Amino acid sequence: LTLAIYDLLTLRRGVYLPADRLGEISELSAKLDYDGVMAVCREDSSLICRVLAAGLSRRDRGYPQMVEAMEEVGRSEATRLHQSIGYLSLIGNIAPMMGLLGTVIGMMRSFHAVAEYAGNVQPGRLAEGIYEALTTTFMGLLVAIPALVLFVFFRNRVVNILDETAAVAEEIVFPLKEGGPVTKAPA
């Protein structure tokens, strides 16, 4: 639950693509003021600013180098974001195994009761182990199903954030593809 709340609070578009910064960056890039874009990006640690700063810092090397730098930062960030939500996947996959372990232990108790009493076991003794088996199975699934649903939800959110970041970054630096490196805003 704590992981889900943390991810809900941190994996938001506004954290990685802040609207105010995007507005500033769009205005400056429309004027081809890439030095201004760099200045804005140096003041902000959001994902889009880190990606753009990496690319624009190599604008003197040409467009392919810029794209490579942006992709490198994007891959690094994608790895970090996927690792942060990976714990939900881990919980969702381990919980049924823990439930299965409890199921096996409960069934062993039931069969031990049958063996101990040579088949003349009281139903209550047999039911204890079966109850334990069913309870642990239920608890494992009760944890696993929401964890996996939340993992898929947050994974999709991460993918959308990364895709939108890539699209915005490409849109900002694309004018440099044709015209070569731009270092100053036109007079």
C-alpha atoms as a PDB file:
ATOM      1  CA  LEU A   1       0.000   0.000   0.000  1.00  0.00           C
ATOM      2  CA  THR A   2       2.850   2.359   0.842  1.00  0.00           C
ATOM      3  CA  LEU A   3       4.538   1.673  -2.506  1.00  0.00           C
ATOM      4  CA  ALA A   4       1.284   2.300  -4.352  1.00  0.00           C
ATOM      5  CA  ILE A   5       0.715   5.617  -2.565  1.00  0.00           C
ATOM      6  CA  TYR A   6       4.324   6.665  -3.178  1.00  0.00           C
ATOM      7  CA  ASP A   7       4.065   5.824  -6.881  1.00  0.00           C
ATOM      8  CA  LEU A   8       0.717   7.576  -7.141  1.00  0.00           C
ATOM      9  CA  LEU A   9       2.239  10.758  -5.716  1.00  0.00           C
ATOM     10  CA  THR A  10       5.512  10.676  -7.649  1.00  0.00           C
ATOM     11  CA  LEU A  11       4.654   9.160 -11.033  1.00  0.00           C
ATOM     12  CA  ARG A  12       2.734  12.142 -12.352  1.00  0.00           C
ATOM     13  CA  ARG A  13       3.130  13.986 -15.620  1.00  0.00           C
ATOM     14  CA  GLY A  14       3.589  17.298 -13.820  1.00  0.00           C
ATOM     15  CA  VAL A  15       6.655  16.007 -11.993  1.00  0.00           C
ATOM     16  CA  TYR A  16       8.468  14.870 -15.132  1.00  0.00           C
ATOM     17  CA  LEU A  17       6.999  17.338 -17.642  1.00  0.00           C
ATOM     18  CA  PRO A  18       6.099  20.471 -15.655  1.00  0.00           C
ATOM     19  CA  ALA A  19       3.698  22.642 -17.633  1.00  0.00           C
ATOM     20  CA  ASP A  20       5.344  25.930 -16.676  1.00  0.00           C
ATOM     21  CA  ARG A  21       8.764  24.757 -17.863  1.00  0.00           C
ATOM     22  CA  LEU A  22       7.301  23.294 -21.046  1.00  0.00           C
ATOM     23  CA  GLY A  23       5.706  26.664 -21.799  1.00  0.00           C
ATOM     24  CA  GLU A  24       9.000  28.512 -21.325  1.00  0.00           C
ATOM     25  CA  ILE A  25      10.912  25.956 -23.363  1.00  0.00           C
ATOM     26  CA  SER A  26       8.369  26.018 -26.186  1.00  0.00           C
ATOM     27  CA  GLU A  27       8.468  29.810 -26.399  1.00  0.00           C
ATOM     28  CA  LEU A  28      12.254  29.906 -26.473  1.00  0.00           C
ATOM     29  CA  SER A  29      12.601  27.070 -28.976  1.00  0.00           C
ATOM     30  CA  ALA A  30      10.038  28.702 -31.277  1.00  0.00           C
ATOM     31  CA  LYS A  31      12.422  31.687 -31.387  1.00  0.00           C
ATOM     32  CA  LEU A  32      15.341  29.258 -31.904  1.00  0.00           C
ATOM     33  CA  ASP A  33      16.845  30.549 -28.650  1.00  0.00           C
ATOM     34  CA  TYR A  34      18.556  27.336 -27.615  1.00  0.00           C
ATOM     35  CA  ASP A  35      20.866  29.140 -25.198  1.00  0.00           C
ATOM     36  CA  GLY A  36      17.714  30.295 -23.420  1.00  0.00           C
ATOM     37  CA  VAL A  37      16.367  26.729 -23.415  1.00  0.00           C
ATOM     38  CA  MET A  38      19.647  25.556 -21.865  1.00  0.00           C
ATOM     39  CA  ALA A  39      19.393  28.262 -19.190  1.00  0.00           C
ATOM     40  CA  VAL A  40      15.863  27.151 -18.304  1.00  0.00           C
ATOM     41  CA  CYS A  41      16.927  23.499 -18.238  1.00  0.00           C
ATOM     42  CA  ARG A  42      19.868  24.223 -15.932  1.00  0.00           C
ATOM     43  CA  GLU A  43      17.439  25.692 -13.380  1.00  0.00           C
ATOM     44  CA  ASP A  44      15.171  22.639 -13.324  1.00  0.00           C
ATOM     45  CA  SER A  45      15.808  18.976 -12.554  1.00  0.00           C
ATOM     46  CA  SER A  46      12.697  17.572 -14.224  1.00  0.00           C
ATOM     47  CA  LEU A  47      13.079  14.737 -16.712  1.00  0.00           C
ATOM     48  CA  ILE A  48      12.352  16.868 -19.763  1.00  0.00           C
ATOM     49  CA  CYS A  49      14.957  19.429 -18.706  1.00  0.00           C
ATOM     50  CA  ARG A  50      17.603  16.757 -18.073  1.00  0.00           C
ATOM     51  CA  VAL A  51      16.911  15.196 -21.479  1.00  0.00           C
ATOM     52  CA  LEU A  52      16.995  18.526 -23.320  1.00  0.00           C
ATOM     53  CA  ALA A  53      20.084  19.725 -21.477  1.00  0.00           C
ATOM     54  CA  ALA A  54      21.926  16.540 -22.437  1.00  0.00           C
ATOM     55  CA  GLY A  55      21.003  16.964 -26.083  1.00  0.00           C
ATOM     56  CA  LEU A  56      21.523  20.696 -26.360  1.00  0.00           C
ATOM     57  CA  SER A  57      24.897  20.487 -24.631  1.00  0.00           C
ATOM     58  CA  ARG A  58      26.037  18.576 -27.737  1.00  0.00           C
ATOM     59  CA  ARG A  59      24.446  20.796 -30.331  1.00  0.00           C
ATOM     60  CA  ASP A  60      27.860  21.858 -31.616  1.00  0.00           C
ATOM     61  CA  ARG A  61      28.464  18.189 -32.556  1.00  0.00           C
ATOM     62  CA  GLY A  62      25.382  17.909 -34.738  1.00  0.00           C
ATOM     63  CA  TYR A  63      21.913  16.467 -34.568  1.00  0.00           C
ATOM     64  CA  PRO A  64      22.806  12.738 -34.328  1.00  0.00           C
ATOM     65  CA  GLN A  65      25.000  13.389 -31.282  1.00  0.00           C
ATOM     66  CA  MET A  66      22.225  15.389 -29.668  1.00  0.00           C
ATOM     67  CA  VAL A  67      19.721  12.594 -30.173  1.00  0.00           C
ATOM     68  CA  GLU A  68      22.191  10.043 -28.817  1.00  0.00           C
ATOM     69  CA  ALA A  69      22.723  12.107 -25.646  1.00  0.00           C
ATOM     70  CA  MET A  70      18.987  12.530 -25.114  1.00  0.00           C
ATOM     71  CA  GLU A  71      18.380   8.804 -25.644  1.00  0.00           C
ATOM     72  CA  GLU A  72      21.094   7.963 -23.129  1.00  0.00           C
ATOM     73  CA  VAL A  73      19.467  10.093 -20.431  1.00  0.00           C
ATOM     74  CA  GLY A  74      16.050   8.704 -21.405  1.00  0.00           C
ATOM     75  CA  ARG A  75      17.247   5.094 -21.090  1.00  0.00           C
ATOM     76  CA  SER A  76      18.793   5.798 -17.718  1.00  0.00           C
ATOM     77  CA  GLU A  77      15.611   7.416 -16.464  1.00  0.00           C
ATOM     78  CA  ALA A  78      13.460   4.613 -17.902  1.00  0.00           C
ATOM     79  CA  THR A  79      15.533   2.070 -15.997  1.00  0.00           C
ATOM     80  CA  ARG A  80      15.194   4.029 -12.767  1.00  0.00           C
ATOM     81  CA  LEU A  81      11.430   4.434 -13.153  1.00  0.00           C
ATOM     82  CA  HIS A  82      10.879   0.783 -14.018  1.00  0.00           C
ATOM     83  CA  GLN A  83      12.949  -0.266 -11.006  1.00  0.00           C
ATOM     84  CA  SER A  84      10.850   1.872  -8.704  1.00  0.00           C
ATOM     85  CA  ILE A  85       7.629   0.162  -9.764  1.00  0.00           C
ATOM     86  CA  GLY A  86       9.280  -3.254  -9.992  1.00  0.00           C
ATOM     87  CA  TYR A  87       8.699  -3.851  -6.283  1.00  0.00           C
ATOM     88  CA  LEU A  88       4.960  -4.060  -6.921  1.00  0.00           C
ATOM     89  CA  SER A  89       5.628  -6.766  -9.493  1.00  0.00           C
ATOM     90  CA  LEU A  90       7.885  -8.595  -7.054  1.00  0.00           C
ATOM     91  CA  ILE A  91       5.222  -8.502  -4.335  1.00  0.00           C
ATOM     92  CA  GLY A  92       2.563  -9.605  -6.805  1.00  0.00           C
ATOM     93  CA  ASN A  93       4.660 -12.584  -7.843  1.00  0.00           C
ATOM     94  CA  ILE A  94       5.896 -13.650  -4.405  1.00  0.00           C
ATOM     95  CA  ALA A  95       2.565 -13.388  -2.558  1.00  0.00           C
ATOM     96  CA  PRO A  96       0.954 -16.380  -4.330  1.00  0.00           C
ATOM     97  CA  MET A  97       4.091 -18.408  -3.636  1.00  0.00           C
ATOM     98  CA  MET A  98       3.798 -17.587   0.054  1.00  0.00           C
ATOM     99  CA  GLY A  99       0.141 -18.599  -0.112  1.00  0.00           C
ATOM    100  CA  LEU A 100       1.114 -21.841  -1.829  1.00  0.00           C
ATOM    101  CA  LEU A 101       3.670 -22.550   0.871  1.00  0.00           C
ATOM    102  CA  GLY A 102       0.933 -22.136   3.479  1.00  0.00           C
ATOM    103  CA  THR A 103      -1.340 -24.394   1.409  1.00  0.00           C
ATOM    104  CA  VAL A 104       1.278 -27.144   1.379  1.00  0.00           C
ATOM    105  CA  ILE A 105       1.859 -26.817   5.127  1.00  0.00           C
ATOM    106  CA  GLY A 106      -1.891 -26.928   5.822  1.00  0.00           C
ATOM    107  CA  MET A 107      -2.383 -30.003   3.642  1.00  0.00           C
ATOM    108  CA  MET A 108       0.602 -31.687   5.323  1.00  0.00           C
ATOM    109  CA  ARG A 109      -1.112 -31.133   8.684  1.00  0.00           C
ATOM    110  CA  SER A 110      -4.329 -32.654   7.381  1.00  0.00           C
ATOM    111  CA  PHE A 111      -2.578 -35.720   5.996  1.00  0.00           C
ATOM    112  CA  HIS A 112      -0.495 -36.022   9.157  1.00  0.00           C
ATOM    113  CA  ALA A 113      -3.721 -36.098  11.170  1.00  0.00           C
ATOM    114  CA  VAL A 114      -5.071 -38.875   8.910  1.00  0.00           C
ATOM    115  CA  ALA A 115      -1.839 -40.857   9.306  1.00  0.00           C
ATOM    116  CA  GLU A 116      -1.629 -40.257  13.053  1.00  0.00           C
ATOM    117  CA  TYR A 117      -5.118 -41.553  13.698  1.00  0.00           C
ATOM    118  CA  ALA A 118      -4.931 -44.361  11.129  1.00  0.00           C
ATOM    119  CA  GLY A 119      -7.849 -43.078   9.151  1.00  0.00           C
ATOM    120  CA  ASN A 120     -10.084 -42.562  12.204  1.00  0.00           C
ATOM    121  CA  VAL A 121      -9.413 -38.852  12.336  1.00  0.00           C
ATOM    122  CA  GLN A 122     -12.023 -36.501  13.678  1.00  0.00           C
ATOM    123  CA  PRO A 123     -13.335 -34.108  11.008  1.00  0.00           C
ATOM    124  CA  GLY A 124     -12.302 -31.132  13.130  1.00  0.00           C
ATOM    125  CA  ARG A 125      -8.635 -32.161  13.088  1.00  0.00           C
ATOM    126  CA  LEU A 126      -8.737 -32.667   9.343  1.00  0.00           C
ATOM    127  CA  ALA A 127     -10.523 -29.363   8.805  1.00  0.00           C
ATOM    128  CA  GLU A 128      -7.839 -27.404  10.704  1.00  0.00           C
ATOM    129  CA  GLY A 129      -5.216 -28.154   8.076  1.00  0.00           C
ATOM    130  CA  ILE A 130      -7.618 -27.561   5.198  1.00  0.00           C
ATOM    131  CA  TYR A 131      -8.678 -24.260   6.774  1.00  0.00           C
ATOM    132  CA  GLU A 132      -5.032 -23.210   7.053  1.00  0.00           C
ATOM    133  CA  ALA A 133      -4.420 -24.183   3.411  1.00  0.00           C
ATOM    134  CA  LEU A 134      -7.384 -22.209   2.117  1.00  0.00           C
ATOM    135  CA  THR A 135      -6.668 -19.173   4.324  1.00  0.00           C
ATOM    136  CA  THR A 136      -3.057 -18.863   3.185  1.00  0.00           C
ATOM    137  CA  THR A 137      -4.044 -19.297  -0.458  1.00  0.00           C
ATOM    138  CA  PHE A 138      -6.674 -16.597  -0.073  1.00  0.00           C
ATOM    139  CA  MET A 139      -4.266 -14.206   1.668  1.00  0.00           C
ATOM    140  CA  GLY A 140      -1.616 -14.710  -1.019  1.00  0.00           C
ATOM    141  CA  LEU A 141      -4.102 -13.909  -3.760  1.00  0.00           C
ATOM    142  CA  LEU A 142      -5.531 -11.003  -1.778  1.00  0.00           C
ATOM    143  CA  VAL A 143      -2.089  -9.390  -1.823  1.00  0.00           C
ATOM    144  CA  ALA A 144      -1.007 -10.485  -5.318  1.00  0.00           C
ATOM    145  CA  ILE A 145      -3.981  -9.395  -7.412  1.00  0.00           C
ATOM    146  CA  PRO A 146      -4.031  -5.717  -6.358  1.00  0.00           C
ATOM    147  CA  ALA A 147      -0.204  -5.545  -6.482  1.00  0.00           C
ATOM    148  CA  LEU A 148      -0.120  -6.798 -10.077  1.00  0.00           C
ATOM    149  CA  VAL A 149      -2.988  -4.540 -11.143  1.00  0.00           C
ATOM    150  CA  LEU A 150      -1.188  -1.546  -9.633  1.00  0.00           C
ATOM    151  CA  PHE A 151       2.077  -2.594 -11.270  1.00  0.00           C
ATOM    152  CA  VAL A 152       0.447  -2.631 -14.714  1.00  0.00           C
ATOM    153  CA  PHE A 153      -1.253   0.704 -14.027  1.00  0.00           C
ATOM    154  CA  PHE A 154       2.031   2.369 -13.010  1.00  0.00           C
ATOM    155  CA  ARG A 155       4.015   0.677 -15.771  1.00  0.00           C
ATOM    156  CA  ASN A 156       1.620   2.184 -18.303  1.00  0.00           C
ATOM    157  CA  ARG A 157       1.966   5.566 -16.615  1.00  0.00           C
ATOM    158  CA  VAL A 158       5.774   5.322 -16.815  1.00  0.00           C
ATOM    159  CA  VAL A 159       5.623   4.364 -20.490  1.00  0.00           C
ATOM    160  CA  ASN A 160       3.316   7.316 -21.234  1.00  0.00           C
ATOM    161  CA  ILE A 161       5.596   9.746 -19.393  1.00  0.00           C
ATOM    162  CA  LEU A 162       8.661   8.452 -21.226  1.00  0.00           C
ATOM    163  CA  ASP A 163       6.925   8.518 -24.610  1.00  0.00           C
ATOM    164  CA  GLU A 164       5.682  12.052 -24.079  1.00  0.00           C
ATOM    165  CA  THR A 165       9.125  13.177 -22.920  1.00  0.00           C
ATOM    166  CA  ALA A 166      10.711  11.727 -26.061  1.00  0.00           C
ATOM    167  CA  ALA A 167       8.117  13.381 -28.292  1.00  0.00           C
ATOM    168  CA  VAL A 168       8.525  16.790 -26.649  1.00  0.00           C
ATOM    169  CA  ALA A 169      12.322  16.577 -26.767  1.00  0.00           C
ATOM    170  CA  GLU A 170      12.255  15.594 -30.434  1.00  0.00           C
ATOM    171  CA  GLU A 171       9.900  18.457 -31.243  1.00  0.00           C
ATOM    172  CA  ILE A 172      12.169  20.965 -29.487  1.00  0.00           C
ATOM    173  CA  VAL A 173      15.439  19.878 -31.123  1.00  0.00           C
ATOM    174  CA  PHE A 174      14.105  18.881 -34.548  1.00  0.00           C
ATOM    175  CA  PRO A 175      14.706  22.341 -36.097  1.00  0.00           C
ATOM    176  CA  LEU A 176      18.405  21.758 -35.448  1.00  0.00           C
ATOM    177  CA  LYS A 177      18.362  18.746 -37.772  1.00  0.00           C
ATOM    178  CA  GLU A 178      18.093  20.834 -40.916  1.00  0.00           C
ATOM    179  CA  GLY A 179      19.877  23.991 -39.923  1.00  0.00           C
ATOM    180  CA  GLY A 180      22.839  22.513 -38.065  1.00  0.00           C
ATOM    181  CA  PRO A 181      23.995  23.718 -34.667  1.00  0.00           C
ATOM    182  CA  VAL A 182      22.379  26.884 -33.400  1.00  0.00           C
ATOM    183  CA  THR A 183      24.101  28.684 -30.578  1.00  0.00           C
ATOM    184  CA  LYS A 184      22.441  32.075 -30.446  1.00  0.00           C
ATOM    185  CA  ALA A 185      18.932  33.386 -30.879  1.00  0.00           C
ATOM    186  CA  PRO A 186      18.403  35.269 -34.135  1.00  0.00           C
ATOM    187  CA  ALA A 187      18.763  39.055 -33.762  1.00  0.00           C
END
